[in-house]
Amino acid sequence: MSEQEIEDYVATGEPLQVAGSFTLDGYGAAFIRGVYGEPHAVIGLSVNALKDMLSRLGVPLSALWAEPAG
């Protein structure tokens, strides 16, 4: 990132409101070339890790899904 890009990005306020100063689904996404490892971990909660932990407790991930609004 150039100095100007950094200044412009910080001016959006986004890096001050998120962990790690960027998001994969916001303004900062334009500067991310790739993610090594699990993208969910960058976004927030690792869905795969959550599924594994719940499985060890005998709880299916689907138990957390909300019922469709009717």
PDB file of N, CA and C in Angstrom:
ATOM      1  N   MET A   1       0.838  -1.176   0.000  1.00  0.00           N
ATOM      2  CA  MET A   1       0.000   0.000   0.000  1.00  0.00           C
ATOM      3  C   MET A   1       0.888   1.246   0.000  1.00  0.00           C
ATOM      4  N   SER A   2       0.480   2.212  -0.760  1.00  0.00           N
ATOM      5  CA  SER A   2       1.204   3.471  -0.756  1.00  0.00           C
ATOM      6  C   SER A   2       0.801   4.278   0.486  1.00  0.00           C
ATOM      7  N   GLU A   3       1.586   5.293   0.802  1.00  0.00           N
ATOM      8  CA  GLU A   3       1.247   6.160   1.939  1.00  0.00           C
ATOM      9  C   GLU A   3      -0.133   6.774   1.742  1.00  0.00           C
ATOM     10  N   GLN A   4      -0.450   7.191   0.509  1.00  0.00           N
ATOM     11  CA  GLN A   4      -1.741   7.804   0.238  1.00  0.00           C
ATOM     12  C   GLN A   4      -2.875   6.801   0.423  1.00  0.00           C
ATOM     13  N   GLU A   5      -2.651   5.574  -0.029  1.00  0.00           N
ATOM     14  CA  GLU A   5      -3.674   4.532   0.146  1.00  0.00           C
ATOM     15  C   GLU A   5      -3.912   4.259   1.620  1.00  0.00           C
ATOM     16  N   ILE A   6      -2.856   4.241   2.397  1.00  0.00           N
ATOM     17  CA  ILE A   6      -2.994   4.024   3.842  1.00  0.00           C
ATOM     18  C   ILE A   6      -3.792   5.157   4.470  1.00  0.00           C
ATOM     19  N   GLU A   7      -3.437   6.386   4.134  1.00  0.00           N
ATOM     20  CA  GLU A   7      -4.158   7.534   4.684  1.00  0.00           C
ATOM     21  C   GLU A   7      -5.630   7.507   4.292  1.00  0.00           C
ATOM     22  N   ASP A   8      -5.898   7.204   3.019  1.00  0.00           N
ATOM     23  CA  ASP A   8      -7.281   7.153   2.547  1.00  0.00           C
ATOM     24  C   ASP A   8      -8.055   6.034   3.235  1.00  0.00           C
ATOM     25  N   TYR A   9      -7.396   4.895   3.422  1.00  0.00           N
ATOM     26  CA  TYR A   9      -8.060   3.759   4.072  1.00  0.00           C
ATOM     27  C   TYR A   9      -8.366   4.081   5.527  1.00  0.00           C
ATOM     28  N   VAL A  10      -7.410   4.633   6.236  1.00  0.00           N
ATOM     29  CA  VAL A  10      -7.630   4.995   7.637  1.00  0.00           C
ATOM     30  C   VAL A  10      -8.755   6.023   7.739  1.00  0.00           C
ATOM     31  N   ALA A  11      -8.834   6.931   6.770  1.00  0.00           N
ATOM     32  CA  ALA A  11      -9.874   7.963   6.777  1.00  0.00           C
ATOM     33  C   ALA A  11     -11.279   7.368   6.667  1.00  0.00           C
ATOM     34  N   THR A  12     -11.401   6.150   6.143  1.00  0.00           N
ATOM     35  CA  THR A  12     -12.727   5.520   6.073  1.00  0.00           C
ATOM     36  C   THR A  12     -13.226   5.126   7.454  1.00  0.00           C
ATOM     37  N   GLY A  13     -12.315   4.979   8.415  1.00  0.00           N
ATOM     38  CA  GLY A  13     -12.683   4.552   9.766  1.00  0.00           C
ATOM     39  C   GLY A  13     -12.719   3.045   9.926  1.00  0.00           C
ATOM     40  N   GLU A  14     -12.730   2.318   8.827  1.00  0.00           N
ATOM     41  CA  GLU A  14     -12.831   0.859   8.900  1.00  0.00           C
ATOM     42  C   GLU A  14     -11.731   0.209   9.729  1.00  0.00           C
ATOM     43  N   PRO A  15     -10.451   0.564   9.534  1.00  0.00           N
ATOM     44  CA  PRO A  15      -9.411  -0.148  10.282  1.00  0.00           C
ATOM     45  C   PRO A  15      -9.447   0.108  11.785  1.00  0.00           C
ATOM     46  N   LEU A  16     -10.182   1.126  12.200  1.00  0.00           N
ATOM     47  CA  LEU A  16     -10.286   1.447  13.623  1.00  0.00           C
ATOM     48  C   LEU A  16     -11.430   0.707  14.298  1.00  0.00           C
ATOM     49  N   GLN A  17     -12.253   0.019  13.496  1.00  0.00           N
ATOM     50  CA  GLN A  17     -13.441  -0.648  14.036  1.00  0.00           C
ATOM     51  C   GLN A  17     -13.386  -2.165  13.944  1.00  0.00           C
ATOM     52  N   VAL A  18     -12.300  -2.714  13.405  1.00  0.00           N
ATOM     53  CA  VAL A  18     -12.227  -4.163  13.212  1.00  0.00           C
ATOM     54  C   VAL A  18     -10.915  -4.717  13.756  1.00  0.00           C
ATOM     55  N   ALA A  19     -10.946  -5.979  14.152  1.00  0.00           N
ATOM     56  CA  ALA A  19      -9.736  -6.637  14.639  1.00  0.00           C
ATOM     57  C   ALA A  19      -8.753  -6.804  13.489  1.00  0.00           C
ATOM     58  N   GLY A  20      -7.508  -6.515  13.730  1.00  0.00           N
ATOM     59  CA  GLY A  20      -6.489  -6.689  12.714  1.00  0.00           C
ATOM     60  C   GLY A  20      -6.441  -5.563  11.699  1.00  0.00           C
ATOM     61  N   SER A  21      -7.289  -4.581  11.817  1.00  0.00           N
ATOM     62  CA  SER A  21      -7.339  -3.369  10.999  1.00  0.00           C
ATOM     63  C   SER A  21      -7.820  -3.543   9.564  1.00  0.00           C
ATOM     64  N   PHE A  22      -8.332  -4.718   9.212  1.00  0.00           N
ATOM     65  CA  PHE A  22      -8.900  -4.881   7.873  1.00  0.00           C
ATOM     66  C   PHE A  22      -9.989  -5.929   7.899  1.00  0.00           C
ATOM     67  N   THR A  23     -10.812  -5.923   6.875  1.00  0.00           N
ATOM     68  CA  THR A  23     -11.823  -6.957   6.715  1.00  0.00           C
ATOM     69  C   THR A  23     -11.757  -7.479   5.288  1.00  0.00           C
ATOM     70  N   LEU A  24     -12.148  -8.703   5.111  1.00  0.00           N
ATOM     71  CA  LEU A  24     -12.167  -9.290   3.773  1.00  0.00           C
ATOM     72  C   LEU A  24     -13.395  -8.866   2.987  1.00  0.00           C
ATOM     73  N   ASP A  25     -14.334  -8.239   3.649  1.00  0.00           N
ATOM     74  CA  ASP A  25     -15.564  -7.842   2.969  1.00  0.00           C
ATOM     75  C   ASP A  25     -15.799  -6.334   3.044  1.00  0.00           C
ATOM     76  N   GLY A  26     -14.743  -5.568   3.237  1.00  0.00           N
ATOM     77  CA  GLY A  26     -14.865  -4.120   3.321  1.00  0.00           C
ATOM     78  C   GLY A  26     -13.872  -3.444   2.399  1.00  0.00           C
ATOM     79  N   TYR A  27     -13.564  -2.184   2.700  1.00  0.00           N
ATOM     80  CA  TYR A  27     -12.629  -1.420   1.882  1.00  0.00           C
ATOM     81  C   TYR A  27     -11.254  -2.084   1.812  1.00  0.00           C
ATOM     82  N   GLY A  28     -10.822  -2.665   2.917  1.00  0.00           N
ATOM     83  CA  GLY A  28      -9.498  -3.279   2.971  1.00  0.00           C
ATOM     84  C   GLY A  28      -9.321  -4.477   2.063  1.00  0.00           C
ATOM     85  N   ALA A  29     -10.410  -5.047   1.594  1.00  0.00           N
ATOM     86  CA  ALA A  29     -10.337  -6.233   0.735  1.00  0.00           C
ATOM     87  C   ALA A  29      -9.513  -5.980  -0.524  1.00  0.00           C
ATOM     88  N   ALA A  30      -9.508  -4.763  -0.998  1.00  0.00           N
ATOM     89  CA  ALA A  30      -8.772  -4.435  -2.222  1.00  0.00           C
ATOM     90  C   ALA A  30      -7.262  -4.619  -2.053  1.00  0.00           C
ATOM     91  N   PHE A  31      -6.791  -4.651  -0.821  1.00  0.00           N
ATOM     92  CA  PHE A  31      -5.360  -4.756  -0.569  1.00  0.00           C
ATOM     93  C   PHE A  31      -4.913  -6.158  -0.156  1.00  0.00           C
ATOM     94  N   ILE A  32      -5.839  -7.094  -0.087  1.00  0.00           N
ATOM     95  CA  ILE A  32      -5.530  -8.457   0.340  1.00  0.00           C
ATOM     96  C   ILE A  32      -5.363  -9.338  -0.896  1.00  0.00           C
ATOM     97  N   ARG A  33      -4.197  -9.909  -1.053  1.00  0.00           N
ATOM     98  CA  ARG A  33      -3.927 -10.771  -2.211  1.00  0.00           C
ATOM     99  C   ARG A  33      -4.297 -12.221  -1.953  1.00  0.00           C
ATOM    100  N   GLY A  34      -4.350 -12.614  -0.709  1.00  0.00           N
ATOM    101  CA  GLY A  34      -4.689 -13.986  -0.383  1.00  0.00           C
ATOM    102  C   GLY A  34      -4.677 -14.205   1.114  1.00  0.00           C
ATOM    103  N   VAL A  35      -5.219 -15.329   1.509  1.00  0.00           N
ATOM    104  CA  VAL A  35      -5.274 -15.707   2.917  1.00  0.00           C
ATOM    105  C   VAL A  35      -4.661 -17.093   3.030  1.00  0.00           C
ATOM    106  N   TYR A  36      -3.695 -17.228   3.899  1.00  0.00           N
ATOM    107  CA  TYR A  36      -3.111 -18.538   4.164  1.00  0.00           C
ATOM    108  C   TYR A  36      -3.821 -19.113   5.371  1.00  0.00           C
ATOM    109  N   GLY A  37      -4.418 -20.278   5.204  1.00  0.00           N
ATOM    110  CA  GLY A  37      -5.187 -20.870   6.284  1.00  0.00           C
ATOM    111  C   GLY A  37      -6.664 -20.716   6.020  1.00  0.00           C
ATOM    112  N   GLU A  38      -7.419 -20.671   7.072  1.00  0.00           N
ATOM    113  CA  GLU A  38      -8.874 -20.654   6.955  1.00  0.00           C
ATOM    114  C   GLU A  38      -9.422 -19.231   6.909  1.00  0.00           C
ATOM    115  N   PRO A  39     -10.115 -18.861   5.826  1.00  0.00           N
ATOM    116  CA  PRO A  39     -10.659 -17.510   5.724  1.00  0.00           C
ATOM    117  C   PRO A  39     -11.624 -17.149   6.852  1.00  0.00           C
ATOM    118  N   HIS A  40     -12.361 -18.124   7.373  1.00  0.00           N
ATOM    119  CA  HIS A  40     -13.292 -17.839   8.463  1.00  0.00           C
ATOM    120  C   HIS A  40     -12.565 -17.269   9.681  1.00  0.00           C
ATOM    121  N   ALA A  41     -11.347 -17.725   9.906  1.00  0.00           N
ATOM    122  CA  ALA A  41     -10.589 -17.238  11.058  1.00  0.00           C
ATOM    123  C   ALA A  41     -10.232 -15.760  10.890  1.00  0.00           C
ATOM    124  N   VAL A  42     -10.062 -15.314   9.654  1.00  0.00           N
ATOM    125  CA  VAL A  42      -9.769 -13.908   9.405  1.00  0.00           C
ATOM    126  C   VAL A  42     -11.033 -13.073   9.564  1.00  0.00           C
ATOM    127  N   ILE A  43     -12.137 -13.603   9.119  1.00  0.00           N
ATOM    128  CA  ILE A  43     -13.406 -12.885   9.187  1.00  0.00           C
ATOM    129  C   ILE A  43     -13.888 -12.792  10.628  1.00  0.00           C
ATOM    130  N   GLY A  44     -13.634 -13.801  11.411  1.00  0.00           N
ATOM    131  CA  GLY A  44     -14.079 -13.807  12.809  1.00  0.00           C
ATOM    132  C   GLY A  44     -13.941 -15.192  13.387  1.00  0.00           C
ATOM    133  N   LEU A  45     -15.042 -15.844  13.558  1.00  0.00           N
ATOM    134  CA  LEU A  45     -15.071 -17.165  14.148  1.00  0.00           C
ATOM    135  C   LEU A  45     -14.801 -18.230  13.097  1.00  0.00           C
ATOM    136  N   SER A  46     -13.918 -19.150  13.392  1.00  0.00           N
ATOM    137  CA  SER A  46     -13.666 -20.268  12.491  1.00  0.00           C
ATOM    138  C   SER A  46     -14.847 -21.226  12.562  1.00  0.00           C
ATOM    139  N   VAL A  47     -15.625 -21.256  11.500  1.00  0.00           N
ATOM    140  CA  VAL A  47     -16.798 -22.127  11.470  1.00  0.00           C
ATOM    141  C   VAL A  47     -16.383 -23.590  11.545  1.00  0.00           C
ATOM    142  N   ASN A  48     -15.287 -23.941  10.893  1.00  0.00           N
ATOM    143  CA  ASN A  48     -14.819 -25.330  10.933  1.00  0.00           C
ATOM    144  C   ASN A  48     -14.363 -25.725  12.333  1.00  0.00           C
ATOM    145  N   ALA A  49     -13.665 -24.838  13.017  1.00  0.00           N
ATOM    146  CA  ALA A  49     -13.236 -25.139  14.385  1.00  0.00           C
ATOM    147  C   ALA A  49     -14.441 -25.251  15.308  1.00  0.00           C
ATOM    148  N   LEU A  50     -15.415 -24.364  15.147  1.00  0.00           N
ATOM    149  CA  LEU A  50     -16.629 -24.433  15.948  1.00  0.00           C
ATOM    150  C   LEU A  50     -17.340 -25.759  15.736  1.00  0.00           C
ATOM    151  N   LYS A  51     -17.474 -26.168  14.480  1.00  0.00           N
ATOM    152  CA  LYS A  51     -18.120 -27.444  14.162  1.00  0.00           C
ATOM    153  C   LYS A  51     -17.391 -28.599  14.840  1.00  0.00           C
ATOM    154  N   ASP A  52     -16.058 -28.591  14.789  1.00  0.00           N
ATOM    155  CA  ASP A  52     -15.273 -29.652  15.425  1.00  0.00           C
ATOM    156  C   ASP A  52     -15.459 -29.671  16.943  1.00  0.00           C
ATOM    157  N   MET A  53     -15.455 -28.496  17.563  1.00  0.00           N
ATOM    158  CA  MET A  53     -15.629 -28.436  19.021  1.00  0.00           C
ATOM    159  C   MET A  53     -17.017 -28.906  19.430  1.00  0.00           C
ATOM    160  N   LEU A  54     -18.026 -28.477  18.695  1.00  0.00           N
ATOM    161  CA  LEU A  54     -19.386 -28.922  18.998  1.00  0.00           C
ATOM    162  C   LEU A  54     -19.523 -30.427  18.818  1.00  0.00           C
ATOM    163  N   SER A  55     -18.891 -30.945  17.776  1.00  0.00           N
ATOM    164  CA  SER A  55     -18.949 -32.381  17.509  1.00  0.00           C
ATOM    165  C   SER A  55     -18.376 -33.179  18.686  1.00  0.00           C
ATOM    166  N   ARG A  56     -17.292 -32.680  19.265  1.00  0.00           N
ATOM    167  CA  ARG A  56     -16.696 -33.359  20.427  1.00  0.00           C
ATOM    168  C   ARG A  56     -17.646 -33.378  21.615  1.00  0.00           C
ATOM    169  N   LEU A  57     -18.541 -32.405  21.658  1.00  0.00           N
ATOM    170  CA  LEU A  57     -19.536 -32.341  22.733  1.00  0.00           C
ATOM    171  C   LEU A  57     -20.820 -33.068  22.365  1.00  0.00           C
ATOM    172  N   GLY A  58     -20.864 -33.638  21.147  1.00  0.00           N
ATOM    173  CA  GLY A  58     -22.045 -34.362  20.701  1.00  0.00           C
ATOM    174  C   GLY A  58     -23.168 -33.457  20.218  1.00  0.00           C
ATOM    175  N   VAL A  59     -22.825 -32.226  19.855  1.00  0.00           N
ATOM    176  CA  VAL A  59     -23.822 -31.266  19.388  1.00  0.00           C
ATOM    177  C   VAL A  59     -23.587 -30.997  17.905  1.00  0.00           C
ATOM    178  N   PRO A  60     -24.580 -31.247  17.062  1.00  0.00           N
ATOM    179  CA  PRO A  60     -24.400 -30.956  15.644  1.00  0.00           C
ATOM    180  C   PRO A  60     -24.447 -29.444  15.388  1.00  0.00           C
ATOM    181  N   LEU A  61     -23.672 -28.974  14.437  1.00  0.00           N
ATOM    182  CA  LEU A  61     -23.669 -27.556  14.104  1.00  0.00           C
ATOM    183  C   LEU A  61     -25.071 -27.069  13.767  1.00  0.00           C
ATOM    184  N   SER A  62     -25.843 -27.908  13.145  1.00  0.00           N
ATOM    185  CA  SER A  62     -27.198 -27.512  12.753  1.00  0.00           C
ATOM    186  C   SER A  62     -28.095 -27.185  13.958  1.00  0.00           C
ATOM    187  N   ALA A  63     -27.703 -27.606  15.144  1.00  0.00           N
ATOM    188  CA  ALA A  63     -28.474 -27.281  16.349  1.00  0.00           C
ATOM    189  C   ALA A  63     -28.450 -25.767  16.615  1.00  0.00           C
ATOM    190  N   LEU A  64     -27.470 -25.060  16.051  1.00  0.00           N
ATOM    191  CA  LEU A  64     -27.367 -23.620  16.247  1.00  0.00           C
ATOM    192  C   LEU A  64     -28.107 -22.820  15.204  1.00  0.00           C
ATOM    193  N   TRP A  65     -28.566 -23.481  14.161  1.00  0.00           N
ATOM    194  CA  TRP A  65     -29.250 -22.776  13.075  1.00  0.00           C
ATOM    195  C   TRP A  65     -30.633 -22.358  13.519  1.00  0.00           C
ATOM    196  N   ALA A  66     -30.993 -21.149  13.171  1.00  0.00           N
ATOM    197  CA  ALA A  66     -32.320 -20.625  13.503  1.00  0.00           C
ATOM    198  C   ALA A  66     -33.372 -21.248  12.603  1.00  0.00           C
ATOM    199  N   GLU A  67     -34.550 -21.383  13.133  1.00  0.00           N
ATOM    200  CA  GLU A  67     -35.670 -21.873  12.323  1.00  0.00           C
ATOM    201  C   GLU A  67     -36.048 -20.794  11.319  1.00  0.00           C
ATOM    202  N   PRO A  68     -36.434 -21.188  10.110  1.00  0.00           N
ATOM    203  CA  PRO A  68     -36.826 -20.182   9.121  1.00  0.00           C
ATOM    204  C   PRO A  68     -38.032 -19.374   9.618  1.00  0.00           C
ATOM    205  N   ALA A  69     -37.976 -18.078   9.326  1.00  0.00           N
ATOM    206  CA  ALA A  69     -39.105 -17.218   9.706  1.00  0.00           C
ATOM    207  C   ALA A  69     -40.324 -17.621   8.919  1.00  0.00           C
ATOM    208  N   GLY A  70     -41.428 -17.697   9.548  1.00  0.00           N
ATOM    209  CA  GLY A  70     -42.606 -18.162   8.847  1.00  0.00           C
ATOM    210  C   GLY A  70     -43.722 -17.281   8.910  1.00  0.00           C
TER     211      GLY A  70
END
